[in-house]
């Protein structure tokens, strides 16, 4: 049996943060695709690859106006084997978490942080605390911390590891991509 083709899909550029290292420079919804175009892309991907696995991201995917409609489309689409959501974790309230828990295809929530001390400097006061509180609300969905290493936060790797061990189910250390704001 052929393994699913995996890819990362930026469904919106909208984001509530303007992280200095971000590879984006456009934070608008100008290029967001409507659901019918997303369905066409899914059908084309199925025709080309058979089964697909999607890492849904943005910007911040929870800011996309029809985000849960898109998730429903993905959930019902037989060509999608599974999906993850990459988020900054700020919008993970109990209602959204409850909706996500009903998904049969959602495998992981990947929550990005910028370090322990650096996070609030980059994303605003109490941002890490808000993410930690939201992580505590999640059960039944695998939680992965994503940490982008750069010159300003590499010394925090051990603290991030401890944070992930105490608040999540895993850790991904990402590389810095010098594009967009990060250039």
N, C-alpha and C. Protein backbone atom coordinates (compact mmCIF):
# COMPACT_ATOMS: atom_id res chain seq x y z
N UNK A 1 0.84 -1.19 0.00
CA UNK A 1 0.00 0.00 0.00
C UNK A 1 0.89 1.25 0.00
N UNK A 2 0.59 2.18 -0.87
CA UNK A 2 1.37 3.40 -1.02
C UNK A 2 1.13 4.33 0.18
N UNK A 3 2.23 4.90 0.70
CA UNK A 3 2.14 5.82 1.83
C UNK A 3 1.54 7.14 1.38
N UNK A 4 0.80 7.80 2.26
CA UNK A 4 0.18 9.09 1.94
C UNK A 4 1.25 10.15 1.70
N UNK A 5 1.01 10.99 0.71
CA UNK A 5 1.88 12.14 0.44
C UNK A 5 1.55 13.21 1.47
N UNK A 6 2.55 13.68 2.18
CA UNK A 6 2.35 14.66 3.25
C UNK A 6 2.82 16.04 2.80
N UNK A 7 2.04 17.07 3.14
CA UNK A 7 2.45 18.43 2.81
C UNK A 7 1.87 19.41 3.81
N UNK A 8 2.44 20.62 3.82
CA UNK A 8 2.00 21.69 4.70
C UNK A 8 1.19 22.67 3.86
N UNK A 9 0.00 23.01 4.33
CA UNK A 9 -0.90 23.88 3.60
C UNK A 9 -1.18 25.14 4.40
N UNK A 10 -0.73 26.27 3.89
CA UNK A 10 -0.98 27.57 4.50
C UNK A 10 -2.34 28.04 4.01
N UNK A 11 -3.37 27.88 4.83
CA UNK A 11 -4.73 28.18 4.37
C UNK A 11 -5.07 29.66 4.51
N UNK A 12 -4.24 30.41 5.22
CA UNK A 12 -4.44 31.87 5.35
C UNK A 12 -3.12 32.51 5.75
N UNK A 13 -3.00 33.78 5.44
CA UNK A 13 -1.86 34.57 5.91
C UNK A 13 -2.22 35.34 7.17
N UNK A 14 -3.51 35.38 7.50
CA UNK A 14 -3.95 36.11 8.69
C UNK A 14 -3.23 35.59 9.93
N UNK A 15 -2.78 36.51 10.77
CA UNK A 15 -2.15 36.12 12.03
C UNK A 15 -2.32 37.25 13.03
N UNK A 16 -2.50 36.87 14.28
CA UNK A 16 -2.64 37.85 15.35
C UNK A 16 -1.28 38.33 15.86
N UNK A 17 -0.18 37.70 15.45
CA UNK A 17 1.16 38.10 15.85
C UNK A 17 1.95 38.58 14.65
N UNK A 18 3.02 39.28 14.91
CA UNK A 18 3.97 39.72 13.88
C UNK A 18 5.37 39.36 14.36
N UNK A 19 5.63 38.08 14.50
CA UNK A 19 6.90 37.60 15.03
C UNK A 19 8.04 38.07 14.14
N UNK A 20 9.10 38.56 14.75
CA UNK A 20 10.22 39.15 14.02
C UNK A 20 10.94 38.13 13.14
N UNK A 21 10.85 36.87 13.46
CA UNK A 21 11.54 35.83 12.68
C UNK A 21 10.63 35.17 11.63
N UNK A 22 9.37 35.58 11.54
CA UNK A 22 8.40 34.91 10.67
C UNK A 22 8.80 35.00 9.20
N UNK A 23 8.57 33.92 8.47
CA UNK A 23 8.87 33.92 7.04
C UNK A 23 7.79 34.60 6.22
N UNK A 24 6.70 35.04 6.84
CA UNK A 24 5.66 35.76 6.13
C UNK A 24 5.94 37.26 6.18
N UNK A 25 5.38 37.97 5.20
CA UNK A 25 5.39 39.43 5.25
C UNK A 25 4.01 40.00 4.92
N UNK A 26 3.12 39.14 4.45
CA UNK A 26 1.73 39.51 4.17
C UNK A 26 0.87 38.83 5.24
N UNK A 27 0.07 39.64 5.95
CA UNK A 27 -0.76 39.09 7.02
C UNK A 27 -2.24 39.34 6.75
N UNK A 28 -2.60 39.38 5.48
CA UNK A 28 -3.98 39.64 5.09
C UNK A 28 -4.66 38.33 4.66
N UNK A 29 -5.96 38.44 4.42
CA UNK A 29 -6.71 37.28 3.90
C UNK A 29 -6.89 37.38 2.39
N UNK A 30 -6.19 38.30 1.77
CA UNK A 30 -6.35 38.58 0.34
C UNK A 30 -6.20 37.34 -0.55
N UNK A 31 -5.31 36.43 -0.18
CA UNK A 31 -5.06 35.25 -1.01
C UNK A 31 -5.74 33.98 -0.50
N UNK A 32 -6.61 34.11 0.50
CA UNK A 32 -7.33 32.96 1.02
C UNK A 32 -8.24 32.37 -0.06
N UNK A 33 -8.26 31.06 -0.15
CA UNK A 33 -9.11 30.39 -1.12
C UNK A 33 -10.46 30.06 -0.50
N UNK A 34 -11.54 30.17 -1.29
CA UNK A 34 -12.85 29.75 -0.79
C UNK A 34 -12.92 28.21 -0.76
N UNK A 35 -13.89 27.70 -0.04
CA UNK A 35 -14.04 26.26 0.15
C UNK A 35 -14.14 25.47 -1.15
N UNK A 36 -14.83 26.02 -2.17
CA UNK A 36 -14.96 25.27 -3.41
C UNK A 36 -13.60 25.08 -4.10
N UNK A 37 -12.71 26.06 -4.01
CA UNK A 37 -11.37 25.93 -4.58
C UNK A 37 -10.54 24.93 -3.77
N UNK A 38 -10.72 24.94 -2.46
CA UNK A 38 -10.01 23.98 -1.61
C UNK A 38 -10.45 22.57 -1.96
N UNK A 39 -11.75 22.38 -2.18
CA UNK A 39 -12.24 21.05 -2.58
C UNK A 39 -11.64 20.62 -3.90
N UNK A 40 -11.54 21.53 -4.85
CA UNK A 40 -10.92 21.21 -6.15
C UNK A 40 -9.46 20.80 -5.97
N UNK A 41 -8.73 21.52 -5.14
CA UNK A 41 -7.33 21.18 -4.87
C UNK A 41 -7.23 19.81 -4.23
N UNK A 42 -8.09 19.52 -3.27
CA UNK A 42 -8.09 18.20 -2.63
C UNK A 42 -8.34 17.10 -3.65
N UNK A 43 -9.30 17.31 -4.55
CA UNK A 43 -9.58 16.32 -5.59
C UNK A 43 -8.38 16.13 -6.51
N UNK A 44 -7.73 17.23 -6.88
CA UNK A 44 -6.54 17.13 -7.73
C UNK A 44 -5.41 16.39 -7.03
N UNK A 45 -5.22 16.67 -5.74
CA UNK A 45 -4.18 15.98 -4.98
C UNK A 45 -4.48 14.49 -4.87
N UNK A 46 -5.75 14.16 -4.65
CA UNK A 46 -6.13 12.75 -4.58
C UNK A 46 -5.86 12.06 -5.91
N UNK A 47 -6.20 12.72 -7.02
CA UNK A 47 -5.96 12.14 -8.34
C UNK A 47 -4.48 11.94 -8.60
N UNK A 48 -3.66 12.85 -8.11
CA UNK A 48 -2.22 12.76 -8.36
C UNK A 48 -1.52 11.80 -7.40
N UNK A 49 -1.89 11.82 -6.12
CA UNK A 49 -1.14 11.06 -5.11
C UNK A 49 -1.91 9.91 -4.47
N UNK A 50 -3.20 9.84 -4.66
CA UNK A 50 -4.00 8.83 -3.96
C UNK A 50 -4.36 9.36 -2.58
N UNK A 51 -3.63 8.95 -1.58
CA UNK A 51 -3.88 9.41 -0.21
C UNK A 51 -2.94 10.57 0.14
N UNK A 52 -3.48 11.54 0.89
CA UNK A 52 -2.68 12.68 1.33
C UNK A 52 -2.82 12.88 2.83
N UNK A 53 -1.79 13.52 3.42
CA UNK A 53 -1.78 13.90 4.82
C UNK A 53 -1.43 15.38 4.85
N UNK A 54 -2.19 16.18 5.59
CA UNK A 54 -2.04 17.63 5.55
C UNK A 54 -1.64 18.18 6.92
N UNK A 55 -0.64 19.06 6.93
CA UNK A 55 -0.32 19.89 8.09
C UNK A 55 -0.92 21.26 7.78
N UNK A 56 -2.02 21.59 8.44
CA UNK A 56 -2.74 22.84 8.18
C UNK A 56 -2.13 23.94 9.03
N UNK A 57 -1.77 25.05 8.37
CA UNK A 57 -1.16 26.17 9.08
C UNK A 57 -1.58 27.47 8.43
N UNK A 58 -0.96 28.54 8.83
CA UNK A 58 -1.21 29.85 8.26
C UNK A 58 0.10 30.61 8.23
N UNK A 59 0.00 31.79 8.50
CA UNK A 59 -0.58 32.62 9.51
C UNK A 59 -1.09 31.74 10.66
N UNK A 60 -2.19 32.17 11.17
CA UNK A 60 -2.88 31.46 12.24
C UNK A 60 -4.16 30.87 11.66
N UNK A 61 -4.21 29.53 11.49
CA UNK A 61 -5.36 28.92 10.79
C UNK A 61 -6.70 29.17 11.47
N UNK A 62 -6.72 29.34 12.78
CA UNK A 62 -8.00 29.56 13.46
C UNK A 62 -8.61 30.93 13.12
N UNK A 63 -7.85 31.81 12.47
CA UNK A 63 -8.39 33.10 12.05
C UNK A 63 -9.08 33.05 10.70
N UNK A 64 -8.91 31.97 9.96
CA UNK A 64 -9.59 31.83 8.66
C UNK A 64 -11.09 31.75 8.91
N UNK A 65 -11.83 32.59 8.21
CA UNK A 65 -13.27 32.73 8.47
C UNK A 65 -14.01 31.39 8.44
N UNK A 66 -13.76 30.57 7.46
CA UNK A 66 -14.48 29.30 7.32
C UNK A 66 -13.62 28.10 7.74
N UNK A 67 -12.76 28.31 8.73
CA UNK A 67 -11.82 27.27 9.15
C UNK A 67 -12.50 25.94 9.48
N UNK A 68 -13.53 25.96 10.29
CA UNK A 68 -14.17 24.70 10.68
C UNK A 68 -14.95 24.08 9.53
N UNK A 69 -15.43 24.88 8.59
CA UNK A 69 -16.03 24.34 7.38
C UNK A 69 -15.00 23.61 6.54
N UNK A 70 -13.80 24.17 6.47
CA UNK A 70 -12.71 23.51 5.74
C UNK A 70 -12.33 22.21 6.43
N UNK A 71 -12.24 22.23 7.76
CA UNK A 71 -11.93 20.99 8.49
C UNK A 71 -12.99 19.93 8.25
N UNK A 72 -14.25 20.34 8.18
CA UNK A 72 -15.33 19.39 7.90
C UNK A 72 -15.17 18.79 6.50
N UNK A 73 -14.82 19.63 5.54
CA UNK A 73 -14.57 19.17 4.18
C UNK A 73 -13.42 18.16 4.15
N UNK A 74 -12.34 18.48 4.84
CA UNK A 74 -11.18 17.58 4.92
C UNK A 74 -11.55 16.28 5.63
N UNK A 75 -12.32 16.40 6.69
CA UNK A 75 -12.73 15.23 7.47
C UNK A 75 -13.53 14.25 6.60
N UNK A 76 -14.40 14.77 5.76
CA UNK A 76 -15.26 13.91 4.93
C UNK A 76 -14.60 13.45 3.65
N UNK A 77 -13.49 14.09 3.26
CA UNK A 77 -12.85 13.79 1.99
C UNK A 77 -12.08 12.48 2.09
N UNK A 78 -12.42 11.50 1.26
CA UNK A 78 -11.82 10.17 1.38
C UNK A 78 -10.36 10.13 0.96
N UNK A 79 -9.86 11.15 0.25
CA UNK A 79 -8.46 11.17 -0.13
C UNK A 79 -7.52 11.62 0.97
N UNK A 80 -8.08 12.20 2.04
CA UNK A 80 -7.26 12.68 3.15
C UNK A 80 -7.18 11.58 4.21
N UNK A 81 -5.96 11.10 4.43
CA UNK A 81 -5.73 10.07 5.43
C UNK A 81 -5.73 10.66 6.85
N UNK A 82 -5.24 11.88 6.99
CA UNK A 82 -5.20 12.53 8.28
C UNK A 82 -4.67 13.94 8.15
N UNK A 83 -4.74 14.68 9.27
CA UNK A 83 -4.21 16.04 9.26
C UNK A 83 -3.77 16.45 10.66
N UNK A 84 -2.85 17.42 10.69
CA UNK A 84 -2.42 18.10 11.90
C UNK A 84 -2.76 19.57 11.74
N UNK A 85 -2.83 20.28 12.85
CA UNK A 85 -3.02 21.73 12.81
C UNK A 85 -1.82 22.37 13.50
N UNK A 86 -1.18 23.31 12.81
CA UNK A 86 -0.08 24.08 13.38
C UNK A 86 -0.64 25.44 13.75
N UNK A 87 -0.55 25.80 15.02
CA UNK A 87 -1.19 27.00 15.55
C UNK A 87 -0.29 27.66 16.60
N UNK A 88 -0.57 28.92 16.89
CA UNK A 88 0.15 29.56 17.99
C UNK A 88 -0.54 29.30 19.33
N UNK A 89 -1.68 28.63 19.31
CA UNK A 89 -2.33 28.16 20.52
C UNK A 89 -3.18 29.16 21.26
N UNK A 90 -3.23 30.39 20.82
CA UNK A 90 -3.95 31.44 21.54
C UNK A 90 -5.47 31.24 21.47
N UNK A 91 -5.98 30.71 20.36
CA UNK A 91 -7.42 30.61 20.15
C UNK A 91 -8.02 29.26 20.52
N UNK A 92 -7.29 28.44 21.24
CA UNK A 92 -7.77 27.10 21.58
C UNK A 92 -8.67 27.14 22.82
N UNK A 93 -9.89 27.62 22.64
CA UNK A 93 -10.84 27.64 23.75
C UNK A 93 -11.56 26.28 23.81
N UNK A 94 -12.36 26.09 24.84
CA UNK A 94 -13.02 24.80 25.07
C UNK A 94 -13.98 24.43 23.94
N UNK A 95 -14.66 25.41 23.35
CA UNK A 95 -15.58 25.12 22.26
C UNK A 95 -14.82 24.57 21.04
N UNK A 96 -13.72 25.24 20.67
CA UNK A 96 -12.93 24.78 19.53
C UNK A 96 -12.32 23.41 19.81
N UNK A 97 -11.81 23.23 21.01
CA UNK A 97 -11.22 21.94 21.38
C UNK A 97 -12.27 20.84 21.31
N UNK A 98 -13.48 21.12 21.78
CA UNK A 98 -14.57 20.14 21.71
C UNK A 98 -14.89 19.75 20.29
N UNK A 99 -14.91 20.73 19.39
CA UNK A 99 -15.15 20.45 17.97
C UNK A 99 -14.01 19.61 17.39
N UNK A 100 -12.77 19.97 17.72
CA UNK A 100 -11.61 19.23 17.21
C UNK A 100 -11.60 17.78 17.70
N UNK A 101 -12.02 17.56 18.92
CA UNK A 101 -12.02 16.21 19.49
C UNK A 101 -12.95 15.25 18.74
N UNK A 102 -13.93 15.79 18.03
CA UNK A 102 -14.85 14.95 17.26
C UNK A 102 -14.24 14.45 15.97
N UNK A 103 -13.12 15.03 15.58
CA UNK A 103 -12.47 14.65 14.32
C UNK A 103 -11.87 13.26 14.40
N UNK A 104 -12.09 12.48 13.37
CA UNK A 104 -11.49 11.15 13.26
C UNK A 104 -10.12 11.22 12.60
N UNK A 105 -9.86 12.30 11.88
CA UNK A 105 -8.62 12.40 11.10
C UNK A 105 -7.57 13.31 11.71
N UNK A 106 -7.94 14.12 12.71
CA UNK A 106 -6.96 14.99 13.36
C UNK A 106 -6.02 14.14 14.20
N UNK A 107 -4.74 14.25 13.92
CA UNK A 107 -3.73 13.45 14.63
C UNK A 107 -3.01 14.25 15.71
N UNK A 108 -2.65 15.51 15.40
CA UNK A 108 -1.88 16.31 16.36
C UNK A 108 -2.23 17.79 16.24
N UNK A 109 -2.17 18.45 17.39
CA UNK A 109 -2.16 19.91 17.43
C UNK A 109 -0.71 20.29 17.69
N UNK A 110 -0.12 21.04 16.78
CA UNK A 110 1.26 21.49 16.91
C UNK A 110 1.22 22.96 17.30
N UNK A 111 1.69 23.26 18.51
CA UNK A 111 1.59 24.60 19.06
C UNK A 111 2.97 25.23 19.10
N UNK A 112 3.13 26.36 18.41
CA UNK A 112 4.43 27.00 18.34
C UNK A 112 4.63 27.97 19.51
N UNK A 113 5.83 27.94 20.05
CA UNK A 113 6.26 28.92 21.05
C UNK A 113 7.65 29.40 20.64
N UNK A 114 8.06 30.51 21.18
CA UNK A 114 9.34 31.11 20.80
C UNK A 114 10.41 30.99 21.89
N UNK A 115 10.16 30.15 22.86
CA UNK A 115 11.06 30.01 24.00
C UNK A 115 10.26 30.25 25.25
N UNK A 116 10.94 30.30 26.37
CA UNK A 116 10.25 30.55 27.63
C UNK A 116 10.31 32.04 27.96
N UNK A 117 11.51 32.62 27.95
CA UNK A 117 11.64 34.07 28.17
C UNK A 117 11.34 34.84 26.89
N UNK A 118 11.79 34.32 25.76
CA UNK A 118 11.65 35.04 24.48
C UNK A 118 10.21 35.10 23.99
N UNK A 119 9.39 34.12 24.34
CA UNK A 119 8.03 34.07 23.80
C UNK A 119 7.25 35.36 24.05
N UNK A 120 7.20 35.81 25.29
CA UNK A 120 6.42 37.01 25.60
C UNK A 120 7.06 38.27 25.04
N UNK A 121 8.37 38.27 24.90
CA UNK A 121 9.05 39.40 24.28
C UNK A 121 8.62 39.53 22.82
N UNK A 122 8.49 38.40 22.15
CA UNK A 122 8.13 38.39 20.73
C UNK A 122 6.62 38.49 20.52
N UNK A 123 5.84 37.78 21.32
CA UNK A 123 4.40 37.67 21.06
C UNK A 123 3.53 38.49 22.00
N UNK A 124 4.12 39.09 23.00
CA UNK A 124 3.34 39.93 23.90
C UNK A 124 3.23 39.34 25.29
N UNK A 125 3.07 40.22 26.25
CA UNK A 125 3.00 39.85 27.66
C UNK A 125 1.91 38.81 27.90
N UNK A 126 2.28 37.77 28.62
CA UNK A 126 1.37 36.69 29.03
C UNK A 126 0.95 35.75 27.90
N UNK A 127 1.57 35.88 26.72
CA UNK A 127 1.21 34.98 25.61
C UNK A 127 1.53 33.52 25.95
N UNK A 128 2.70 33.27 26.53
CA UNK A 128 3.05 31.89 26.88
C UNK A 128 2.11 31.34 27.95
N UNK A 129 1.75 32.16 28.90
CA UNK A 129 0.81 31.74 29.94
C UNK A 129 -0.54 31.36 29.35
N UNK A 130 -1.00 32.13 28.37
CA UNK A 130 -2.27 31.82 27.70
C UNK A 130 -2.18 30.49 26.98
N UNK A 131 -1.08 30.24 26.30
CA UNK A 131 -0.89 28.97 25.60
C UNK A 131 -0.86 27.82 26.60
N UNK A 132 -0.14 28.01 27.70
CA UNK A 132 -0.06 26.95 28.73
C UNK A 132 -1.47 26.62 29.26
N UNK A 133 -2.27 27.62 29.53
CA UNK A 133 -3.64 27.39 30.01
C UNK A 133 -4.47 26.65 28.96
N UNK A 134 -4.29 26.99 27.70
CA UNK A 134 -5.03 26.31 26.64
C UNK A 134 -4.56 24.87 26.48
N UNK A 135 -3.27 24.63 26.62
CA UNK A 135 -2.76 23.25 26.56
C UNK A 135 -3.38 22.39 27.64
N UNK A 136 -3.60 22.96 28.82
CA UNK A 136 -4.19 22.23 29.94
C UNK A 136 -5.63 21.82 29.65
N UNK A 137 -6.32 22.52 28.76
CA UNK A 137 -7.71 22.22 28.42
C UNK A 137 -7.82 21.03 27.46
N UNK A 138 -6.72 20.68 26.81
CA UNK A 138 -6.76 19.68 25.74
C UNK A 138 -6.53 18.28 26.30
N UNK A 139 -7.46 17.40 25.99
CA UNK A 139 -7.27 15.98 26.28
C UNK A 139 -7.80 15.20 25.08
N UNK A 140 -7.22 14.08 24.84
CA UNK A 140 -7.69 13.25 23.73
C UNK A 140 -7.14 13.65 22.37
N UNK A 141 -6.31 14.68 22.33
CA UNK A 141 -5.63 15.10 21.10
C UNK A 141 -4.15 15.24 21.44
N UNK A 142 -3.31 14.66 20.61
CA UNK A 142 -1.87 14.74 20.85
C UNK A 142 -1.41 16.19 20.68
N UNK A 143 -0.65 16.69 21.67
CA UNK A 143 -0.16 18.07 21.69
C UNK A 143 1.35 18.08 21.50
N UNK A 144 1.81 18.78 20.48
CA UNK A 144 3.23 18.86 20.18
C UNK A 144 3.66 20.33 20.24
N UNK A 145 4.73 20.62 20.96
CA UNK A 145 5.30 21.97 21.00
C UNK A 145 6.27 22.10 19.83
N UNK A 146 6.16 23.22 19.11
CA UNK A 146 7.10 23.54 18.03
C UNK A 146 7.91 24.77 18.46
N UNK A 147 9.22 24.68 18.31
CA UNK A 147 10.13 25.73 18.75
C UNK A 147 11.11 26.06 17.62
N UNK A 148 11.07 27.31 17.14
CA UNK A 148 11.99 27.74 16.10
C UNK A 148 13.24 28.30 16.76
N UNK A 149 14.36 27.67 16.50
CA UNK A 149 15.63 28.06 17.12
C UNK A 149 16.26 29.18 16.31
N UNK A 150 16.70 30.22 17.01
CA UNK A 150 17.40 31.34 16.39
C UNK A 150 18.45 31.87 17.36
N UNK A 151 19.20 32.86 16.94
CA UNK A 151 20.29 33.38 17.77
C UNK A 151 19.80 33.98 19.09
N UNK A 152 18.57 34.47 19.14
CA UNK A 152 18.05 35.11 20.34
C UNK A 152 17.46 34.13 21.36
N UNK A 153 17.21 32.87 20.98
CA UNK A 153 16.53 31.97 21.92
C UNK A 153 17.17 30.58 22.04
N UNK A 154 18.27 30.33 21.36
CA UNK A 154 18.84 28.98 21.38
C UNK A 154 19.26 28.52 22.78
N UNK A 155 19.56 29.46 23.66
CA UNK A 155 19.96 29.09 25.02
C UNK A 155 18.77 28.61 25.87
N UNK A 156 17.57 28.74 25.33
CA UNK A 156 16.36 28.34 26.05
C UNK A 156 15.92 26.92 25.72
N UNK A 157 16.68 26.19 24.93
CA UNK A 157 16.26 24.86 24.45
C UNK A 157 15.95 23.91 25.61
N UNK A 158 16.76 23.92 26.66
CA UNK A 158 16.48 23.02 27.79
C UNK A 158 15.19 23.41 28.49
N UNK A 159 14.95 24.71 28.64
CA UNK A 159 13.71 25.17 29.27
C UNK A 159 12.49 24.82 28.41
N UNK A 160 12.64 24.93 27.10
CA UNK A 160 11.55 24.56 26.19
C UNK A 160 11.30 23.06 26.27
N UNK A 161 12.38 22.29 26.34
CA UNK A 161 12.23 20.84 26.48
C UNK A 161 11.44 20.51 27.75
N UNK A 162 11.78 21.15 28.86
CA UNK A 162 11.05 20.93 30.11
C UNK A 162 9.59 21.37 29.98
N UNK A 163 9.35 22.51 29.34
CA UNK A 163 7.99 22.98 29.11
C UNK A 163 7.18 21.95 28.33
N UNK A 164 7.79 21.44 27.26
CA UNK A 164 7.10 20.44 26.44
C UNK A 164 6.85 19.16 27.23
N UNK A 165 7.83 18.73 27.99
CA UNK A 165 7.67 17.50 28.78
C UNK A 165 6.54 17.65 29.80
N UNK A 166 6.38 18.84 30.37
CA UNK A 166 5.37 19.06 31.40
C UNK A 166 3.99 19.45 30.86
N UNK A 167 3.93 19.91 29.61
CA UNK A 167 2.66 20.45 29.11
C UNK A 167 2.17 19.85 27.80
N UNK A 168 2.96 18.94 27.22
CA UNK A 168 2.59 18.42 25.90
C UNK A 168 3.04 16.97 25.77
N UNK A 169 2.88 16.44 24.57
CA UNK A 169 3.22 15.04 24.30
C UNK A 169 4.48 14.90 23.46
N UNK A 170 5.07 16.03 23.07
CA UNK A 170 6.28 15.97 22.25
C UNK A 170 6.79 17.35 21.92
N UNK A 171 7.95 17.37 21.26
CA UNK A 171 8.61 18.62 20.91
C UNK A 171 9.23 18.48 19.52
N UNK A 172 9.03 19.51 18.70
CA UNK A 172 9.70 19.61 17.40
C UNK A 172 10.55 20.87 17.43
N UNK A 173 11.82 20.73 17.13
CA UNK A 173 12.71 21.88 17.04
C UNK A 173 12.82 22.23 15.56
N UNK A 174 12.38 23.43 15.22
CA UNK A 174 12.33 23.90 13.84
C UNK A 174 13.55 24.74 13.50
N UNK A 175 13.83 24.82 12.22
CA UNK A 175 14.92 25.67 11.75
C UNK A 175 14.35 27.05 11.43
N UNK A 176 15.19 28.04 11.58
CA UNK A 176 14.86 29.41 11.22
C UNK A 176 14.94 29.56 9.70
N UNK A 177 13.93 30.17 9.09
CA UNK A 177 13.92 30.39 7.65
C UNK A 177 13.99 31.90 7.41
N UNK A 178 15.11 32.40 6.89
CA UNK A 178 15.28 33.87 6.75
C UNK A 178 14.55 34.44 5.54
N UNK A 179 13.21 34.47 5.62
CA UNK A 179 12.36 35.05 4.60
C UNK A 179 11.36 35.99 5.27
N UNK A 180 10.66 36.78 4.49
CA UNK A 180 9.60 37.64 5.02
C UNK A 180 10.11 38.54 6.13
N UNK A 181 9.37 38.60 7.25
CA UNK A 181 9.81 39.40 8.40
C UNK A 181 11.18 38.95 8.90
N UNK A 182 11.46 37.66 8.81
CA UNK A 182 12.71 37.10 9.31
C UNK A 182 13.93 37.47 8.50
N UNK A 183 13.72 38.07 7.33
CA UNK A 183 14.85 38.46 6.49
C UNK A 183 15.61 39.60 7.13
